[in-house]
Amino acid sequence: MILPIVGYGDPILRKKCEDIDADYPNINALVDDMFETMRHASGVGLAAPQVGLGIRLFVVDCSPFGEDDDLSPEEQDYLRTFQRTFINARITKEEGKEWSFNEGCLSIPGVRENVKRKPVVTIEYLDENFKKHTETLDGYAARVVQHEYDHIEGVLFTDKLSGLKKKLNNKKLQNIMDGKVFTDYKMKLANKRSK
């Protein structure tokens, strides 16, 4: 089932999310719905707060990056198969020289900016079967995981922008809150006025 995506300005996007356990109701259906919602919106990641839930859960599918011709065939193959569910994730290490990449967010449509992040990340998490994993990721996979991890910490990519870039995007952000935004996917907007 495709879920509405929560838009910028909703307080759930600022909430530090809670751990869950294997008894969480309908977790398998929720994970499936999140993957379906993410793909329907042409995203590469989606976190539970973006569908209105304050839990430490996000899904990632880096397969679109596997089409990048600048990558080696091995990197392309890896990204084409990088699909993960992260439950109760904790980033334990970020390392390397920061690199800039143009990011966007399904909750903040129409806003894209360069964001600096470290290229290598180590993360501990549970998969959809509540099996524990520790993984070290780099490149696009690390980038997407860091972006989604920020969501479960109540952080948005716009928080990482310079003061000037934030100011330049203020009107776009206000328009999202006011429902003056058009997307190919269903959204739940913070201040949308009923007509």
N, C-alpha and C. Protein backbone atom coordinates (compact mmCIF):
# COMPACT_ATOMS: atom_id res chain seq x y z
N MET A 1 0.84 -1.18 0.00
CA MET A 1 0.00 0.00 0.00
C MET A 1 0.89 1.24 0.00
N ILE A 2 0.55 2.19 -0.86
CA ILE A 2 1.32 3.43 -0.93
C ILE A 2 0.82 4.37 0.16
N LEU A 3 1.76 4.85 0.96
CA LEU A 3 1.45 5.72 2.10
C LEU A 3 1.70 7.18 1.72
N PRO A 4 0.97 8.13 2.32
CA PRO A 4 1.28 9.54 2.08
C PRO A 4 2.60 9.90 2.76
N ILE A 5 3.38 10.73 2.10
CA ILE A 5 4.67 11.17 2.64
C ILE A 5 4.48 12.50 3.36
N VAL A 6 4.97 12.55 4.59
CA VAL A 6 4.85 13.74 5.43
C VAL A 6 5.76 14.84 4.89
N GLY A 7 5.21 16.05 4.77
CA GLY A 7 5.95 17.17 4.23
C GLY A 7 6.66 18.00 5.29
N TYR A 8 7.62 18.76 4.83
CA TYR A 8 8.41 19.67 5.66
C TYR A 8 7.48 20.51 6.54
N GLY A 9 7.85 20.65 7.81
CA GLY A 9 7.07 21.45 8.75
C GLY A 9 6.29 20.61 9.74
N ASP A 10 6.08 19.32 9.41
CA ASP A 10 5.38 18.44 10.35
C ASP A 10 6.32 18.12 11.51
N PRO A 11 5.85 18.24 12.75
CA PRO A 11 6.72 18.00 13.91
C PRO A 11 7.33 16.59 13.96
N ILE A 12 6.70 15.60 13.34
CA ILE A 12 7.24 14.24 13.37
C ILE A 12 8.62 14.18 12.74
N LEU A 13 8.90 15.08 11.80
CA LEU A 13 10.20 15.08 11.13
C LEU A 13 11.32 15.61 12.03
N ARG A 14 10.96 16.17 13.17
CA ARG A 14 11.95 16.71 14.12
C ARG A 14 12.08 15.82 15.37
N LYS A 15 11.38 14.70 15.37
CA LYS A 15 11.37 13.82 16.54
C LYS A 15 12.54 12.84 16.48
N LYS A 16 13.24 12.71 17.61
CA LYS A 16 14.22 11.63 17.72
C LYS A 16 13.42 10.36 17.97
N CYS A 17 13.57 9.38 17.08
CA CYS A 17 12.68 8.23 17.06
C CYS A 17 13.04 7.17 18.10
N GLU A 18 12.08 6.31 18.39
CA GLU A 18 12.18 5.28 19.41
C GLU A 18 12.51 3.92 18.80
N ASP A 19 13.28 3.12 19.54
CA ASP A 19 13.54 1.74 19.15
C ASP A 19 12.24 0.94 19.15
N ILE A 20 12.22 -0.13 18.37
CA ILE A 20 11.09 -1.06 18.36
C ILE A 20 11.62 -2.47 18.57
N ASP A 21 10.71 -3.40 18.84
CA ASP A 21 11.12 -4.80 18.95
C ASP A 21 10.29 -5.63 17.98
N ALA A 22 10.54 -6.92 17.96
CA ALA A 22 9.90 -7.81 16.99
C ALA A 22 8.39 -7.90 17.18
N ASP A 23 7.88 -7.41 18.31
CA ASP A 23 6.44 -7.41 18.55
C ASP A 23 5.74 -6.18 17.96
N TYR A 24 6.50 -5.30 17.32
CA TYR A 24 5.86 -4.10 16.75
C TYR A 24 4.77 -4.56 15.77
N PRO A 25 3.56 -4.00 15.87
CA PRO A 25 2.44 -4.49 15.05
C PRO A 25 2.68 -4.36 13.55
N ASN A 26 2.44 -5.42 12.83
CA ASN A 26 2.45 -5.44 11.36
C ASN A 26 3.75 -4.90 10.76
N ILE A 27 4.88 -5.23 11.38
CA ILE A 27 6.16 -4.68 10.91
C ILE A 27 6.47 -5.10 9.48
N ASN A 28 6.18 -6.35 9.12
CA ASN A 28 6.49 -6.80 7.75
C ASN A 28 5.67 -6.04 6.71
N ALA A 29 4.41 -5.83 7.00
CA ALA A 29 3.56 -5.06 6.09
C ALA A 29 4.04 -3.62 5.99
N LEU A 30 4.45 -3.05 7.13
CA LEU A 30 4.95 -1.67 7.13
C LEU A 30 6.21 -1.55 6.26
N VAL A 31 7.14 -2.48 6.42
CA VAL A 31 8.37 -2.45 5.61
C VAL A 31 8.01 -2.54 4.12
N ASP A 32 7.13 -3.47 3.77
CA ASP A 32 6.71 -3.61 2.37
C ASP A 32 6.07 -2.32 1.86
N ASP A 33 5.20 -1.72 2.68
CA ASP A 33 4.54 -0.47 2.28
C ASP A 33 5.55 0.66 2.11
N MET A 34 6.56 0.70 2.96
CA MET A 34 7.57 1.76 2.84
C MET A 34 8.39 1.59 1.56
N PHE A 35 8.78 0.38 1.23
CA PHE A 35 9.49 0.15 -0.04
C PHE A 35 8.61 0.55 -1.22
N GLU A 36 7.33 0.16 -1.19
CA GLU A 36 6.42 0.49 -2.28
C GLU A 36 6.24 2.01 -2.39
N THR A 37 6.08 2.67 -1.26
CA THR A 37 5.91 4.13 -1.24
C THR A 37 7.15 4.82 -1.79
N MET A 38 8.33 4.39 -1.34
CA MET A 38 9.59 4.98 -1.78
C MET A 38 9.75 4.84 -3.29
N ARG A 39 9.52 3.64 -3.80
CA ARG A 39 9.71 3.40 -5.25
C ARG A 39 8.68 4.16 -6.06
N HIS A 40 7.43 4.24 -5.57
CA HIS A 40 6.38 4.98 -6.27
C HIS A 40 6.77 6.46 -6.42
N ALA A 41 7.47 6.98 -5.41
CA ALA A 41 7.89 8.39 -5.42
C ALA A 41 9.27 8.58 -6.05
N SER A 42 9.84 7.52 -6.61
CA SER A 42 11.18 7.55 -7.24
C SER A 42 12.26 7.96 -6.26
N GLY A 43 12.14 7.48 -5.02
CA GLY A 43 13.15 7.76 -4.01
C GLY A 43 14.13 6.60 -3.89
N VAL A 44 15.22 6.85 -3.16
CA VAL A 44 16.22 5.80 -2.89
C VAL A 44 16.26 5.46 -1.41
N GLY A 45 15.49 6.18 -0.61
CA GLY A 45 15.42 5.91 0.83
C GLY A 45 14.15 6.52 1.39
N LEU A 46 13.67 5.92 2.48
CA LEU A 46 12.47 6.45 3.15
C LEU A 46 12.53 6.03 4.60
N ALA A 47 12.33 7.00 5.49
CA ALA A 47 12.37 6.74 6.93
C ALA A 47 10.97 6.81 7.52
N ALA A 48 10.77 6.06 8.61
CA ALA A 48 9.45 5.99 9.24
C ALA A 48 8.83 7.36 9.56
N PRO A 49 9.62 8.36 10.04
CA PRO A 49 8.99 9.66 10.29
C PRO A 49 8.36 10.26 9.03
N GLN A 50 8.88 9.89 7.87
CA GLN A 50 8.34 10.43 6.62
C GLN A 50 6.98 9.85 6.28
N VAL A 51 6.59 8.78 6.98
CA VAL A 51 5.23 8.26 6.83
C VAL A 51 4.47 8.40 8.15
N GLY A 52 4.96 9.31 9.00
CA GLY A 52 4.23 9.68 10.21
C GLY A 52 4.47 8.83 11.44
N LEU A 53 5.54 8.02 11.44
CA LEU A 53 5.81 7.13 12.57
C LEU A 53 7.13 7.48 13.24
N GLY A 54 7.10 7.65 14.55
CA GLY A 54 8.30 8.04 15.30
C GLY A 54 9.12 6.85 15.76
N ILE A 55 9.43 5.95 14.84
CA ILE A 55 10.20 4.74 15.17
C ILE A 55 11.49 4.69 14.36
N ARG A 56 12.49 3.98 14.89
CA ARG A 56 13.81 3.89 14.26
C ARG A 56 13.79 2.82 13.18
N LEU A 57 13.24 3.20 12.05
CA LEU A 57 13.11 2.31 10.89
C LEU A 57 13.30 3.13 9.62
N PHE A 58 14.16 2.63 8.73
CA PHE A 58 14.22 3.20 7.39
C PHE A 58 14.57 2.12 6.38
N VAL A 59 14.20 2.39 5.13
CA VAL A 59 14.49 1.46 4.04
C VAL A 59 15.30 2.19 2.99
N VAL A 60 16.14 1.43 2.28
CA VAL A 60 17.04 2.00 1.29
C VAL A 60 17.07 1.08 0.07
N ASP A 61 17.06 1.68 -1.11
CA ASP A 61 17.25 0.94 -2.36
C ASP A 61 18.13 1.80 -3.27
N CYS A 62 19.41 1.45 -3.33
CA CYS A 62 20.39 2.24 -4.11
C CYS A 62 20.48 1.82 -5.57
N SER A 63 19.58 0.95 -6.03
CA SER A 63 19.71 0.44 -7.40
C SER A 63 19.75 1.52 -8.48
N PRO A 64 19.05 2.67 -8.34
CA PRO A 64 19.18 3.69 -9.39
C PRO A 64 20.62 4.20 -9.57
N PHE A 65 21.42 4.22 -8.49
CA PHE A 65 22.81 4.65 -8.60
C PHE A 65 23.65 3.62 -9.35
N GLY A 66 23.16 2.40 -9.48
CA GLY A 66 23.88 1.37 -10.22
C GLY A 66 23.95 1.63 -11.71
N GLU A 67 23.23 2.67 -12.15
CA GLU A 67 23.26 3.04 -13.58
C GLU A 67 24.30 4.12 -13.87
N ASP A 68 25.06 4.53 -12.87
CA ASP A 68 26.07 5.58 -13.03
C ASP A 68 27.27 5.03 -13.80
N ASP A 69 27.45 5.51 -15.03
CA ASP A 69 28.54 5.02 -15.89
C ASP A 69 29.92 5.41 -15.40
N ASP A 70 30.00 6.36 -14.47
CA ASP A 70 31.31 6.77 -13.93
C ASP A 70 31.83 5.76 -12.90
N LEU A 71 30.99 4.83 -12.49
CA LEU A 71 31.40 3.83 -11.50
C LEU A 71 31.95 2.59 -12.19
N SER A 72 32.76 1.85 -11.46
CA SER A 72 33.28 0.59 -11.99
C SER A 72 32.12 -0.42 -12.09
N PRO A 73 32.26 -1.45 -12.93
CA PRO A 73 31.21 -2.47 -13.01
C PRO A 73 30.92 -3.11 -11.66
N GLU A 74 31.95 -3.29 -10.83
CA GLU A 74 31.75 -3.88 -9.50
C GLU A 74 30.89 -2.96 -8.62
N GLU A 75 31.21 -1.65 -8.67
CA GLU A 75 30.42 -0.69 -7.88
C GLU A 75 28.97 -0.64 -8.38
N GLN A 76 28.79 -0.67 -9.69
CA GLN A 76 27.44 -0.67 -10.25
C GLN A 76 26.66 -1.89 -9.80
N ASP A 77 27.29 -3.07 -9.87
CA ASP A 77 26.62 -4.30 -9.45
C ASP A 77 26.24 -4.25 -7.97
N TYR A 78 27.15 -3.73 -7.15
CA TYR A 78 26.89 -3.62 -5.71
C TYR A 78 25.67 -2.74 -5.45
N LEU A 79 25.64 -1.58 -6.09
CA LEU A 79 24.54 -0.64 -5.86
C LEU A 79 23.22 -1.17 -6.39
N ARG A 80 23.27 -1.91 -7.50
CA ARG A 80 22.03 -2.47 -8.05
C ARG A 80 21.37 -3.45 -7.09
N THR A 81 22.15 -4.03 -6.20
CA THR A 81 21.61 -5.02 -5.26
C THR A 81 21.54 -4.49 -3.83
N PHE A 82 21.90 -3.22 -3.62
CA PHE A 82 21.91 -2.67 -2.26
C PHE A 82 20.51 -2.23 -1.87
N GLN A 83 19.77 -3.16 -1.27
CA GLN A 83 18.42 -2.89 -0.77
C GLN A 83 18.39 -3.42 0.66
N ARG A 84 18.10 -2.53 1.61
CA ARG A 84 18.18 -2.91 3.01
C ARG A 84 17.04 -2.29 3.81
N THR A 85 16.71 -2.99 4.89
CA THR A 85 15.82 -2.47 5.92
C THR A 85 16.69 -2.26 7.16
N PHE A 86 16.61 -1.08 7.74
CA PHE A 86 17.39 -0.73 8.93
C PHE A 86 16.44 -0.47 10.09
N ILE A 87 16.55 -1.29 11.14
CA ILE A 87 15.73 -1.13 12.34
C ILE A 87 16.66 -0.86 13.52
N ASN A 88 16.31 0.13 14.33
CA ASN A 88 17.09 0.50 15.53
C ASN A 88 18.55 0.77 15.19
N ALA A 89 18.78 1.41 14.07
CA ALA A 89 20.15 1.65 13.59
C ALA A 89 20.90 2.63 14.48
N ARG A 90 22.20 2.41 14.57
CA ARG A 90 23.13 3.32 15.25
C ARG A 90 24.38 3.44 14.40
N ILE A 91 24.69 4.64 13.97
CA ILE A 91 25.97 4.87 13.28
C ILE A 91 27.05 4.93 14.35
N THR A 92 28.06 4.09 14.20
CA THR A 92 29.13 4.02 15.21
C THR A 92 30.39 4.75 14.76
N LYS A 93 30.52 4.98 13.44
CA LYS A 93 31.71 5.66 12.96
C LYS A 93 31.44 6.28 11.59
N GLU A 94 31.92 7.51 11.41
CA GLU A 94 31.94 8.17 10.10
C GLU A 94 33.38 8.62 9.89
N GLU A 95 33.94 8.32 8.72
CA GLU A 95 35.34 8.65 8.50
C GLU A 95 35.62 9.04 7.06
N GLY A 96 36.81 9.63 6.88
CA GLY A 96 37.24 10.07 5.56
C GLY A 96 37.04 11.56 5.37
N LYS A 97 37.52 12.05 4.25
CA LYS A 97 37.39 13.48 3.91
C LYS A 97 36.00 13.75 3.36
N GLU A 98 35.33 14.75 3.95
CA GLU A 98 33.96 15.06 3.52
C GLU A 98 33.90 15.32 2.02
N TRP A 99 32.80 14.87 1.40
CA TRP A 99 32.56 15.14 -0.02
C TRP A 99 31.15 15.68 -0.18
N SER A 100 31.00 16.47 -1.19
CA SER A 100 29.75 17.17 -1.43
C SER A 100 28.94 16.44 -2.49
N PHE A 101 27.64 16.36 -2.27
CA PHE A 101 26.74 15.70 -3.23
C PHE A 101 25.40 16.39 -3.16
N ASN A 102 24.76 16.52 -4.32
CA ASN A 102 23.47 17.20 -4.40
C ASN A 102 22.36 16.28 -3.89
N GLU A 103 21.78 16.65 -2.75
CA GLU A 103 20.74 15.84 -2.12
C GLU A 103 19.37 16.49 -2.24
N GLY A 104 18.37 15.64 -2.21
CA GLY A 104 16.99 16.06 -2.13
C GLY A 104 16.29 15.16 -1.13
N CYS A 105 15.00 15.39 -0.93
CA CYS A 105 14.26 14.61 0.06
C CYS A 105 12.79 14.55 -0.35
N LEU A 106 12.19 13.38 -0.25
CA LEU A 106 10.78 13.24 -0.62
C LEU A 106 9.87 14.11 0.25
N SER A 107 10.30 14.44 1.47
CA SER A 107 9.52 15.30 2.36
C SER A 107 9.73 16.79 2.07
N ILE A 108 10.73 17.08 1.21
CA ILE A 108 11.06 18.49 0.91
C ILE A 108 11.15 18.63 -0.62
N PRO A 109 10.04 18.40 -1.33
CA PRO A 109 10.08 18.41 -2.80
C PRO A 109 10.47 19.78 -3.34
N GLY A 110 11.24 19.76 -4.42
CA GLY A 110 11.63 21.00 -5.10
C GLY A 110 12.85 21.67 -4.50
N VAL A 111 13.43 21.10 -3.46
CA VAL A 111 14.63 21.67 -2.84
C VAL A 111 15.75 20.65 -2.99
N ARG A 112 16.82 21.05 -3.64
CA ARG A 112 18.01 20.21 -3.80
C ARG A 112 19.22 21.10 -3.54
N GLU A 113 20.13 20.61 -2.72
CA GLU A 113 21.34 21.37 -2.41
C GLU A 113 22.50 20.42 -2.17
N ASN A 114 23.71 20.95 -2.34
CA ASN A 114 24.91 20.17 -2.04
C ASN A 114 25.08 20.06 -0.53
N VAL A 115 25.33 18.83 -0.08
CA VAL A 115 25.52 18.55 1.34
C VAL A 115 26.84 17.80 1.49
N LYS A 116 27.63 18.19 2.48
CA LYS A 116 28.90 17.51 2.75
C LYS A 116 28.68 16.43 3.80
N ARG A 117 29.21 15.26 3.49
CA ARG A 117 29.17 14.14 4.42
C ARG A 117 30.47 13.36 4.28
N LYS A 118 30.82 12.62 5.32
CA LYS A 118 32.00 11.75 5.26
C LYS A 118 31.68 10.56 4.36
N PRO A 119 32.68 10.03 3.65
CA PRO A 119 32.41 9.00 2.64
C PRO A 119 32.23 7.58 3.17
N VAL A 120 32.67 7.32 4.39
CA VAL A 120 32.62 5.95 4.93
C VAL A 120 31.86 5.97 6.25
N VAL A 121 30.94 5.02 6.40
CA VAL A 121 30.13 4.96 7.61
C VAL A 121 30.03 3.51 8.08
N THR A 122 30.12 3.32 9.39
CA THR A 122 29.88 2.01 10.00
C THR A 122 28.59 2.10 10.78
N ILE A 123 27.71 1.14 10.53
CA ILE A 123 26.37 1.18 11.13
C ILE A 123 26.00 -0.19 11.69
N GLU A 124 25.40 -0.17 12.87
CA GLU A 124 24.83 -1.38 13.47
C GLU A 124 23.32 -1.26 13.35
N TYR A 125 22.67 -2.37 12.97
CA TYR A 125 21.22 -2.33 12.79
C TYR A 125 20.64 -3.73 12.81
N LEU A 126 19.33 -3.79 12.91
CA LEU A 126 18.59 -5.03 12.77
C LEU A 126 17.90 -5.01 11.42
N ASP A 127 17.86 -6.17 10.75
CA ASP A 127 17.13 -6.24 9.48
C ASP A 127 15.65 -6.51 9.76
N GLU A 128 14.88 -6.75 8.71
CA GLU A 128 13.43 -6.96 8.85
C GLU A 128 13.09 -8.23 9.66
N ASN A 129 14.07 -9.13 9.80
CA ASN A 129 13.87 -10.34 10.62
C ASN A 129 14.45 -10.17 12.03
N PHE A 130 14.85 -8.95 12.35
CA PHE A 130 15.45 -8.59 13.65
C PHE A 130 16.76 -9.33 13.89
N LYS A 131 17.47 -9.61 12.80
CA LYS A 131 18.82 -10.16 12.87
C LYS A 131 19.81 -8.99 12.89
N LYS A 132 20.80 -9.06 13.80
CA LYS A 132 21.74 -7.96 13.97
C LYS A 132 22.83 -7.99 12.90
N HIS A 133 23.19 -6.79 12.41
CA HIS A 133 24.25 -6.62 11.42
C HIS A 133 25.13 -5.44 11.81
N THR A 134 26.40 -5.53 11.44
CA THR A 134 27.30 -4.37 11.47
C THR A 134 27.92 -4.30 10.08
N GLU A 135 27.77 -3.14 9.45
CA GLU A 135 28.24 -2.98 8.08
C GLU A 135 29.03 -1.69 7.95
N THR A 136 30.09 -1.73 7.14
CA THR A 136 30.81 -0.51 6.77
C THR A 136 30.49 -0.24 5.31
N LEU A 137 29.98 0.96 5.05
CA LEU A 137 29.53 1.35 3.71
C LEU A 137 30.32 2.55 3.24
N ASP A 138 30.42 2.69 1.92
CA ASP A 138 31.04 3.90 1.38
C ASP A 138 30.28 4.38 0.16
N GLY A 139 30.69 5.55 -0.33
CA GLY A 139 30.10 6.11 -1.54
C GLY A 139 28.61 6.40 -1.41
N TYR A 140 27.88 6.09 -2.51
CA TYR A 140 26.44 6.38 -2.55
C TYR A 140 25.67 5.66 -1.45
N ALA A 141 26.03 4.40 -1.20
CA ALA A 141 25.31 3.65 -0.17
C ALA A 141 25.45 4.34 1.19
N ALA A 142 26.67 4.78 1.52
CA ALA A 142 26.89 5.49 2.78
C ALA A 142 26.09 6.79 2.81
N ARG A 143 26.09 7.50 1.70
CA ARG A 143 25.37 8.78 1.60
C ARG A 143 23.88 8.60 1.88
N VAL A 144 23.27 7.63 1.23
CA VAL A 144 21.83 7.41 1.40
C VAL A 144 21.52 6.98 2.83
N VAL A 145 22.34 6.10 3.37
CA VAL A 145 22.12 5.64 4.75
C VAL A 145 22.27 6.81 5.72
N GLN A 146 23.26 7.68 5.53
CA GLN A 146 23.43 8.83 6.42
C GLN A 146 22.21 9.75 6.35
N HIS A 147 21.71 9.99 5.15
CA HIS A 147 20.54 10.86 4.97
C HIS A 147 19.33 10.29 5.72
N GLU A 148 19.08 8.99 5.53
CA GLU A 148 17.92 8.37 6.18
C GLU A 148 18.13 8.25 7.69
N TYR A 149 19.35 7.98 8.10
CA TYR A 149 19.66 7.92 9.54
C TYR A 149 19.36 9.27 10.20
N ASP A 150 19.73 10.34 9.51
CA ASP A 150 19.41 11.67 10.04
C ASP A 150 17.92 11.80 10.34
N HIS A 151 17.07 11.25 9.46
CA HIS A 151 15.62 11.34 9.67
C HIS A 151 15.21 10.73 11.01
N ILE A 152 15.78 9.58 11.37
CA ILE A 152 15.35 8.96 12.63
C ILE A 152 15.95 9.67 13.85
N GLU A 153 16.87 10.60 13.58
CA GLU A 153 17.44 11.44 14.64
C GLU A 153 16.76 12.81 14.68
N GLY A 154 15.78 13.04 13.80
CA GLY A 154 15.08 14.32 13.77
C GLY A 154 15.81 15.41 13.02
N VAL A 155 16.72 15.02 12.13
CA VAL A 155 17.57 15.96 11.38
C VAL A 155 17.20 15.89 9.90
N LEU A 156 17.12 17.05 9.24
CA LEU A 156 16.85 17.12 7.81
C LEU A 156 18.10 17.62 7.08
N PHE A 157 18.21 17.29 5.79
CA PHE A 157 19.41 17.70 5.07
C PHE A 157 19.52 19.22 5.00
N THR A 158 18.40 19.93 5.08
CA THR A 158 18.44 21.39 5.04
C THR A 158 19.11 21.97 6.28
N ASP A 159 19.16 21.19 7.36
CA ASP A 159 19.84 21.64 8.58
C ASP A 159 21.34 21.75 8.37
N LYS A 160 21.85 21.07 7.37
CA LYS A 160 23.30 21.03 7.13
C LYS A 160 23.76 22.12 6.15
N LEU A 161 22.83 22.96 5.71
CA LEU A 161 23.16 24.01 4.75
C LEU A 161 23.71 25.24 5.45
N SER A 162 24.45 26.04 4.70
CA SER A 162 24.95 27.31 5.24
C SER A 162 23.78 28.25 5.49
N GLY A 163 24.03 29.29 6.30
CA GLY A 163 22.99 30.28 6.59
C GLY A 163 22.41 30.90 5.33
N LEU A 164 23.26 31.19 4.36
CA LEU A 164 22.81 31.80 3.11
C LEU A 164 21.92 30.84 2.33
N LYS A 165 22.34 29.59 2.22
CA LYS A 165 21.54 28.60 1.48
C LYS A 165 20.20 28.39 2.17
N LYS A 166 20.18 28.38 3.51
CA LYS A 166 18.92 28.23 4.24
C LYS A 166 17.99 29.39 3.91
N LYS A 167 18.56 30.60 3.92
CA LYS A 167 17.76 31.80 3.65
C LYS A 167 17.20 31.76 2.22
N LEU A 168 18.03 31.32 1.27
CA LEU A 168 17.59 31.25 -0.12
C LEU A 168 16.45 30.24 -0.32
N ASN A 169 16.36 29.24 0.55
CA ASN A 169 15.33 28.22 0.42
C ASN A 169 14.11 28.46 1.31
N ASN A 170 14.11 29.54 2.10
CA ASN A 170 13.00 29.80 3.03
C ASN A 170 11.64 29.82 2.35
N LYS A 171 11.54 30.49 1.21
CA LYS A 171 10.25 30.62 0.51
C LYS A 171 9.77 29.25 0.03
N LYS A 172 10.69 28.44 -0.52
CA LYS A 172 10.31 27.10 -0.98
C LYS A 172 9.81 26.26 0.19
N LEU A 173 10.49 26.36 1.33
CA LEU A 173 10.10 25.58 2.50
C LEU A 173 8.74 26.02 3.02
N GLN A 174 8.50 27.32 3.02
CA GLN A 174 7.20 27.84 3.46
C GLN A 174 6.10 27.36 2.51
N ASN A 175 6.40 27.36 1.21
CA ASN A 175 5.41 26.88 0.23
C ASN A 175 5.05 25.42 0.47
N ILE A 176 6.03 24.60 0.84
CA ILE A 176 5.73 23.19 1.15
C ILE A 176 4.78 23.13 2.34
N MET A 177 5.08 23.89 3.39
CA MET A 177 4.22 23.88 4.58
C MET A 177 2.80 24.35 4.26
N ASP A 178 2.69 25.30 3.32
CA ASP A 178 1.39 25.86 2.98
C ASP A 178 0.65 25.06 1.90
N GLY A 179 1.26 23.94 1.46
CA GLY A 179 0.59 23.12 0.46
C GLY A 179 0.71 23.63 -0.96
N LYS A 180 1.61 24.58 -1.18
CA LYS A 180 1.81 25.13 -2.53
C LYS A 180 2.95 24.37 -3.20
N VAL A 181 2.76 23.07 -3.33
CA VAL A 181 3.78 22.21 -3.92
C VAL A 181 3.07 21.10 -4.68
N PHE A 182 3.68 20.70 -5.79
CA PHE A 182 3.07 19.66 -6.61
C PHE A 182 4.04 18.50 -6.73
N THR A 183 3.55 17.30 -6.47
CA THR A 183 4.38 16.11 -6.57
C THR A 183 3.60 15.03 -7.32
N ASP A 184 4.32 14.02 -7.77
CA ASP A 184 3.69 12.87 -8.43
C ASP A 184 3.27 11.83 -7.40
N TYR A 185 3.41 12.15 -6.12
CA TYR A 185 3.06 11.21 -5.06
C TYR A 185 2.24 11.95 -4.01
N LYS A 186 1.49 11.16 -3.24
CA LYS A 186 0.60 11.72 -2.23
C LYS A 186 1.40 12.22 -1.04
N MET A 187 1.06 13.42 -0.57
CA MET A 187 1.74 14.01 0.57
C MET A 187 0.75 14.43 1.65
N LYS A 188 1.24 14.42 2.87
CA LYS A 188 0.51 15.00 4.02
C LYS A 188 1.28 16.25 4.39
N LEU A 189 0.68 17.41 4.18
CA LEU A 189 1.38 18.68 4.34
C LEU A 189 0.98 19.35 5.65
N ALA A 190 1.96 19.99 6.28
CA ALA A 190 1.83 20.52 7.64
C ALA A 190 0.70 21.53 7.81
N ASN A 191 0.66 22.57 6.98
CA ASN A 191 -0.29 23.66 7.18
C ASN A 191 -1.31 23.77 6.05
N LYS A 192 -1.46 22.71 5.26
CA LYS A 192 -2.31 22.83 4.07
C LYS A 192 -3.70 23.30 4.46
N ARG A 193 -4.07 24.39 3.83
CA ARG A 193 -5.40 24.95 4.11
C ARG A 193 -6.45 24.20 3.31
N SER A 194 -7.58 23.90 3.94
CA SER A 194 -8.65 23.23 3.21
C SER A 194 -9.33 24.24 2.30
N LYS A 195 -9.71 23.77 1.13
CA LYS A 195 -10.32 24.67 0.13
C LYS A 195 -11.83 24.58 0.16
